[in-house]
């Protein structure tokens, strides 16, 4: 399979994950949190652990390999530059989650990949994981440039938290927070 077909397949699979919860027998209790400020829109929508497990099991992970990730409040994240005054640039390593008055960085994709490699995860599964995550660094042009991907807050199921994201436009820094996000 060519890299282009693999990337398209992965993107379609991510969209399928969002739709999968809706297709279940019971109505999902999943909420979307969204905020627009400074011309930037950021949204979070939780992906239930069983859906995360199924998604990655279908990409070559054994359940015991992906379970630590699936149990950490995983979200589909969309970040969009609707009308910022220029190209936005973010480093995800600067984003923070605050829960129970404790502020923490969000665990990096590379940290997760290192853990997965220690469990002899298949190389194709590692590629699928990397491609499905929101990038750790990215730039988006004004007028609607965007991306989406998965994000683990590295918090336990049942947590409530605030998430603060930040970015810059030509070295002018911006940030905002979404408060009281619930992980069910």
C-alpha atoms as a PDB file:
ATOM      1  CA  UNK A   1       0.000   0.000   0.000  1.00  0.00           C
ATOM      2  CA  UNK A   2       1.363   3.431  -0.887  1.00  0.00           C
ATOM      3  CA  UNK A   3       1.964   6.008   1.836  1.00  0.00           C
ATOM      4  CA  UNK A   4      -0.771   8.228   0.379  1.00  0.00           C
ATOM      5  CA  UNK A   5      -3.339   5.419   0.497  1.00  0.00           C
ATOM      6  CA  UNK A   6      -2.227   4.561   4.044  1.00  0.00           C
ATOM      7  CA  UNK A   7      -2.660   8.176   5.194  1.00  0.00           C
ATOM      8  CA  UNK A   8      -6.087   8.434   3.560  1.00  0.00           C
ATOM      9  CA  UNK A   9      -7.097   5.127   5.142  1.00  0.00           C
ATOM     10  CA  UNK A  10      -5.958   6.369   8.551  1.00  0.00           C
ATOM     11  CA  UNK A  11      -7.886   9.644   8.212  1.00  0.00           C
ATOM     12  CA  UNK A  12     -11.025   7.790   7.162  1.00  0.00           C
ATOM     13  CA  UNK A  13     -10.546   5.487  10.153  1.00  0.00           C
ATOM     14  CA  UNK A  14     -10.385   8.448  12.527  1.00  0.00           C
ATOM     15  CA  UNK A  15     -13.649   9.770  11.133  1.00  0.00           C
ATOM     16  CA  UNK A  16     -15.059   6.244  11.539  1.00  0.00           C
ATOM     17  CA  UNK A  17     -14.116   6.271  15.243  1.00  0.00           C
ATOM     18  CA  UNK A  18     -16.321   9.337  15.804  1.00  0.00           C
ATOM     19  CA  UNK A  19     -19.169   7.696  13.886  1.00  0.00           C
ATOM     20  CA  UNK A  20     -18.710   4.340  15.606  1.00  0.00           C
ATOM     21  CA  UNK A  21     -19.917   5.642  18.963  1.00  0.00           C
ATOM     22  CA  UNK A  22     -23.084   6.972  17.354  1.00  0.00           C
ATOM     23  CA  UNK A  23     -23.796   3.614  15.694  1.00  0.00           C
ATOM     24  CA  UNK A  24     -23.781   1.695  18.992  1.00  0.00           C
ATOM     25  CA  UNK A  25     -27.057   0.364  20.432  1.00  0.00           C
ATOM     26  CA  UNK A  26     -27.246   2.961  23.178  1.00  0.00           C
ATOM     27  CA  UNK A  27     -27.013   6.693  22.725  1.00  0.00           C
ATOM     28  CA  UNK A  28     -23.475   7.818  23.570  1.00  0.00           C
ATOM     29  CA  UNK A  29     -22.979  10.112  26.543  1.00  0.00           C
ATOM     30  CA  UNK A  30     -20.178  11.896  24.723  1.00  0.00           C
ATOM     31  CA  UNK A  31     -20.078  15.690  24.647  1.00  0.00           C
ATOM     32  CA  UNK A  32     -18.036  18.076  22.525  1.00  0.00           C
ATOM     33  CA  UNK A  33     -16.297  21.001  24.179  1.00  0.00           C
ATOM     34  CA  UNK A  34     -15.432  23.847  21.835  1.00  0.00           C
ATOM     35  CA  UNK A  35     -14.062  27.351  22.133  1.00  0.00           C
ATOM     36  CA  UNK A  36     -13.296  30.049  19.580  1.00  0.00           C
ATOM     37  CA  UNK A  37     -11.127  32.980  20.536  1.00  0.00           C
ATOM     38  CA  UNK A  38      -8.556  35.159  18.760  1.00  0.00           C
ATOM     39  CA  UNK A  39      -9.745  33.656  15.462  1.00  0.00           C
ATOM     40  CA  UNK A  40      -8.819  30.095  16.518  1.00  0.00           C
ATOM     41  CA  UNK A  41     -11.263  27.256  17.204  1.00  0.00           C
ATOM     42  CA  UNK A  42     -10.355  24.288  19.392  1.00  0.00           C
ATOM     43  CA  UNK A  43     -12.650  21.364  20.161  1.00  0.00           C
ATOM     44  CA  UNK A  44     -12.472  18.130  22.131  1.00  0.00           C
ATOM     45  CA  UNK A  45     -14.723  15.091  21.858  1.00  0.00           C
ATOM     46  CA  UNK A  46     -14.043  12.066  24.027  1.00  0.00           C
ATOM     47  CA  UNK A  47     -13.504   8.695  22.392  1.00  0.00           C
ATOM     48  CA  UNK A  48     -14.711   5.933  24.747  1.00  0.00           C
ATOM     49  CA  UNK A  49     -12.024   3.414  25.802  1.00  0.00           C
ATOM     50  CA  UNK A  50     -13.718   0.477  24.044  1.00  0.00           C
ATOM     51  CA  UNK A  51     -13.738   2.440  20.776  1.00  0.00           C
ATOM     52  CA  UNK A  52     -10.053   3.389  21.202  1.00  0.00           C
ATOM     53  CA  UNK A  53      -9.233  -0.271  21.856  1.00  0.00           C
ATOM     54  CA  UNK A  54     -11.199  -1.426  18.798  1.00  0.00           C
ATOM     55  CA  UNK A  55      -9.671   1.236  16.552  1.00  0.00           C
ATOM     56  CA  UNK A  56      -6.091   0.346  17.466  1.00  0.00           C
ATOM     57  CA  UNK A  57      -6.718  -3.396  17.663  1.00  0.00           C
ATOM     58  CA  UNK A  58      -7.794  -3.119  14.028  1.00  0.00           C
ATOM     59  CA  UNK A  59      -4.425  -1.522  13.261  1.00  0.00           C
ATOM     60  CA  UNK A  60      -2.296  -4.255  14.809  1.00  0.00           C
ATOM     61  CA  UNK A  61      -2.115  -3.434  18.522  1.00  0.00           C
ATOM     62  CA  UNK A  62      -2.811  -6.171  21.021  1.00  0.00           C
ATOM     63  CA  UNK A  63      -5.349  -5.027  23.635  1.00  0.00           C
ATOM     64  CA  UNK A  64      -2.707  -5.175  26.403  1.00  0.00           C
ATOM     65  CA  UNK A  65      -0.435  -2.910  24.331  1.00  0.00           C
ATOM     66  CA  UNK A  66      -2.983  -0.137  23.707  1.00  0.00           C
ATOM     67  CA  UNK A  67      -4.960  -0.427  26.972  1.00  0.00           C
ATOM     68  CA  UNK A  68      -2.704   2.000  28.947  1.00  0.00           C
ATOM     69  CA  UNK A  69      -3.394   4.658  26.297  1.00  0.00           C
ATOM     70  CA  UNK A  70      -7.116   3.849  25.980  1.00  0.00           C
ATOM     71  CA  UNK A  71      -7.625   4.323  29.731  1.00  0.00           C
ATOM     72  CA  UNK A  72      -6.269   7.904  29.744  1.00  0.00           C
ATOM     73  CA  UNK A  73      -9.191  10.030  28.573  1.00  0.00           C
ATOM     74  CA  UNK A  74      -8.595  10.066  24.825  1.00  0.00           C
ATOM     75  CA  UNK A  75     -10.185  12.797  22.719  1.00  0.00           C
ATOM     76  CA  UNK A  76     -10.591  13.704  19.086  1.00  0.00           C
ATOM     77  CA  UNK A  77      -9.122  17.200  18.855  1.00  0.00           C
ATOM     78  CA  UNK A  78      -9.782  19.719  16.106  1.00  0.00           C
ATOM     79  CA  UNK A  79      -7.682  22.874  15.880  1.00  0.00           C
ATOM     80  CA  UNK A  80      -8.602  25.428  13.216  1.00  0.00           C
ATOM     81  CA  UNK A  81      -7.247  28.843  12.222  1.00  0.00           C
ATOM     82  CA  UNK A  82     -10.458  30.587  11.229  1.00  0.00           C
ATOM     83  CA  UNK A  83      -9.285  34.187  11.240  1.00  0.00           C
ATOM     84  CA  UNK A  84      -6.154  34.696  13.340  1.00  0.00           C
ATOM     85  CA  UNK A  85      -4.038  37.657  12.217  1.00  0.00           C
ATOM     86  CA  UNK A  86      -1.585  35.298  10.512  1.00  0.00           C
ATOM     87  CA  UNK A  87      -0.225  31.751  10.456  1.00  0.00           C
ATOM     88  CA  UNK A  88      -0.604  30.123  13.875  1.00  0.00           C
ATOM     89  CA  UNK A  89       2.162  27.896  15.201  1.00  0.00           C
ATOM     90  CA  UNK A  90       1.798  25.611  18.193  1.00  0.00           C
ATOM     91  CA  UNK A  91       3.958  23.269  20.213  1.00  0.00           C
ATOM     92  CA  UNK A  92       1.679  20.738  21.850  1.00  0.00           C
ATOM     93  CA  UNK A  93       4.310  20.226  24.529  1.00  0.00           C
ATOM     94  CA  UNK A  94       3.258  23.662  25.871  1.00  0.00           C
ATOM     95  CA  UNK A  95      -0.394  22.668  26.311  1.00  0.00           C
ATOM     96  CA  UNK A  96      -1.453  21.805  29.860  1.00  0.00           C
ATOM     97  CA  UNK A  97      -4.224  19.992  31.675  1.00  0.00           C
ATOM     98  CA  UNK A  98      -5.202  20.957  35.202  1.00  0.00           C
ATOM     99  CA  UNK A  99      -7.081  18.498  37.396  1.00  0.00           C
ATOM    100  CA  UNK A 100      -7.500  18.598  41.171  1.00  0.00           C
ATOM    101  CA  UNK A 101      -5.430  21.819  41.299  1.00  0.00           C
ATOM    102  CA  UNK A 102      -2.478  20.056  39.664  1.00  0.00           C
ATOM    103  CA  UNK A 103      -1.224  21.264  36.282  1.00  0.00           C
ATOM    104  CA  UNK A 104       0.582  18.843  33.961  1.00  0.00           C
ATOM    105  CA  UNK A 105       1.936  18.739  30.443  1.00  0.00           C
ATOM    106  CA  UNK A 106       0.142  16.461  28.034  1.00  0.00           C
ATOM    107  CA  UNK A 107       2.121  13.303  27.402  1.00  0.00           C
ATOM    108  CA  UNK A 108       3.915  13.407  24.053  1.00  0.00           C
ATOM    109  CA  UNK A 109       3.312  11.081  21.133  1.00  0.00           C
ATOM    110  CA  UNK A 110       6.998  10.128  21.199  1.00  0.00           C
ATOM    111  CA  UNK A 111       6.683   9.066  24.843  1.00  0.00           C
ATOM    112  CA  UNK A 112       3.727   6.813  23.983  1.00  0.00           C
ATOM    113  CA  UNK A 113       5.607   5.373  20.987  1.00  0.00           C
ATOM    114  CA  UNK A 114       8.614   4.583  23.177  1.00  0.00           C
ATOM    115  CA  UNK A 115       6.353   2.709  25.600  1.00  0.00           C
ATOM    116  CA  UNK A 116       4.694   0.787  22.760  1.00  0.00           C
ATOM    117  CA  UNK A 117       8.058  -0.212  21.273  1.00  0.00           C
ATOM    118  CA  UNK A 118       8.975  -1.782  24.619  1.00  0.00           C
ATOM    119  CA  UNK A 119       5.968  -4.113  24.234  1.00  0.00           C
ATOM    120  CA  UNK A 120       7.088  -5.253  20.754  1.00  0.00           C
ATOM    121  CA  UNK A 121       4.255  -3.472  18.980  1.00  0.00           C
ATOM    122  CA  UNK A 122       4.246  -4.051  15.226  1.00  0.00           C
ATOM    123  CA  UNK A 123       5.901  -1.271  13.182  1.00  0.00           C
ATOM    124  CA  UNK A 124       2.720  -0.817  11.120  1.00  0.00           C
ATOM    125  CA  UNK A 125       0.716  -0.265  14.321  1.00  0.00           C
ATOM    126  CA  UNK A 126       3.238   2.336  15.492  1.00  0.00           C
ATOM    127  CA  UNK A 127       2.864   4.195  12.184  1.00  0.00           C
ATOM    128  CA  UNK A 128      -0.938   4.091  12.503  1.00  0.00           C
ATOM    129  CA  UNK A 129      -0.688   5.466  16.042  1.00  0.00           C
ATOM    130  CA  UNK A 130       1.630   8.312  15.013  1.00  0.00           C
ATOM    131  CA  UNK A 131      -0.582   9.324  12.076  1.00  0.00           C
ATOM    132  CA  UNK A 132      -3.788   9.287  14.132  1.00  0.00           C
ATOM    133  CA  UNK A 133      -2.480  11.696  16.811  1.00  0.00           C
ATOM    134  CA  UNK A 134      -2.760  15.471  16.745  1.00  0.00           C
ATOM    135  CA  UNK A 135       0.728  16.623  15.751  1.00  0.00           C
ATOM    136  CA  UNK A 136       3.158  17.795  18.408  1.00  0.00           C
ATOM    137  CA  UNK A 137       4.038  20.854  16.345  1.00  0.00           C
ATOM    138  CA  UNK A 138       2.117  22.386  13.461  1.00  0.00           C
ATOM    139  CA  UNK A 139       1.337  25.595  11.618  1.00  0.00           C
ATOM    140  CA  UNK A 140      -2.036  26.581  10.156  1.00  0.00           C
ATOM    141  CA  UNK A 141      -2.727  29.345   7.670  1.00  0.00           C
ATOM    142  CA  UNK A 142      -5.613  31.798   8.250  1.00  0.00           C
ATOM    143  CA  UNK A 143      -9.027  31.323   6.606  1.00  0.00           C
ATOM    144  CA  UNK A 144      -9.791  27.802   7.808  1.00  0.00           C
ATOM    145  CA  UNK A 145      -6.575  25.736   7.724  1.00  0.00           C
ATOM    146  CA  UNK A 146      -6.991  22.966  10.287  1.00  0.00           C
ATOM    147  CA  UNK A 147      -6.156  19.468  11.450  1.00  0.00           C
ATOM    148  CA  UNK A 148      -7.593  16.851  13.742  1.00  0.00           C
ATOM    149  CA  UNK A 149      -6.263  13.872  15.601  1.00  0.00           C
ATOM    150  CA  UNK A 150      -6.370  11.932  18.816  1.00  0.00           C
ATOM    151  CA  UNK A 151      -5.024  13.273  22.084  1.00  0.00           C
ATOM    152  CA  UNK A 152      -4.521  11.539  25.413  1.00  0.00           C
ATOM    153  CA  UNK A 153      -4.813  13.817  28.423  1.00  0.00           C
ATOM    154  CA  UNK A 154      -2.939  11.171  30.443  1.00  0.00           C
ATOM    155  CA  UNK A 155      -5.666  11.420  33.087  1.00  0.00           C
ATOM    156  CA  UNK A 156      -7.739   8.515  34.384  1.00  0.00           C
ATOM    157  CA  UNK A 157     -11.282   7.858  33.224  1.00  0.00           C
ATOM    158  CA  UNK A 158     -13.625   9.772  35.534  1.00  0.00           C
ATOM    159  CA  UNK A 159     -11.407  12.861  35.680  1.00  0.00           C
ATOM    160  CA  UNK A 160     -12.559  16.422  35.248  1.00  0.00           C
ATOM    161  CA  UNK A 161     -10.024  18.926  33.966  1.00  0.00           C
ATOM    162  CA  UNK A 162      -9.281  22.246  32.342  1.00  0.00           C
ATOM    163  CA  UNK A 163      -7.140  22.267  29.210  1.00  0.00           C
ATOM    164  CA  UNK A 164      -5.045  25.251  28.194  1.00  0.00           C
ATOM    165  CA  UNK A 165      -3.710  25.511  24.673  1.00  0.00           C
ATOM    166  CA  UNK A 166      -1.387  28.155  23.328  1.00  0.00           C
ATOM    167  CA  UNK A 167       0.105  29.207  20.036  1.00  0.00           C
ATOM    168  CA  UNK A 168       1.928  32.121  18.490  1.00  0.00           C
ATOM    169  CA  UNK A 169       1.493  34.325  15.450  1.00  0.00           C
ATOM    170  CA  UNK A 170       4.842  35.862  14.455  1.00  0.00           C
ATOM    171  CA  UNK A 171       6.138  35.398  18.034  1.00  0.00           C
ATOM    172  CA  UNK A 172       3.073  37.035  19.607  1.00  0.00           C
ATOM    173  CA  UNK A 173       1.706  34.492  22.067  1.00  0.00           C
ATOM    174  CA  UNK A 174      -1.938  33.589  22.662  1.00  0.00           C
ATOM    175  CA  UNK A 175      -3.711  31.103  24.901  1.00  0.00           C
ATOM    176  CA  UNK A 176      -7.095  30.096  26.142  1.00  0.00           C
ATOM    177  CA  UNK A 177      -8.598  27.386  28.307  1.00  0.00           C
ATOM    178  CA  UNK A 178     -11.626  25.151  28.145  1.00  0.00           C
ATOM    179  CA  UNK A 179     -12.901  24.599  31.679  1.00  0.00           C
ATOM    180  CA  UNK A 180     -14.556  21.611  33.366  1.00  0.00           C
ATOM    181  CA  UNK A 181     -14.069  19.029  30.632  1.00  0.00           C
ATOM    182  CA  UNK A 182     -15.467  15.713  31.870  1.00  0.00           C
ATOM    183  CA  UNK A 183     -14.019  12.322  31.039  1.00  0.00           C
ATOM    184  CA  UNK A 184     -16.674   9.646  31.468  1.00  0.00           C
END
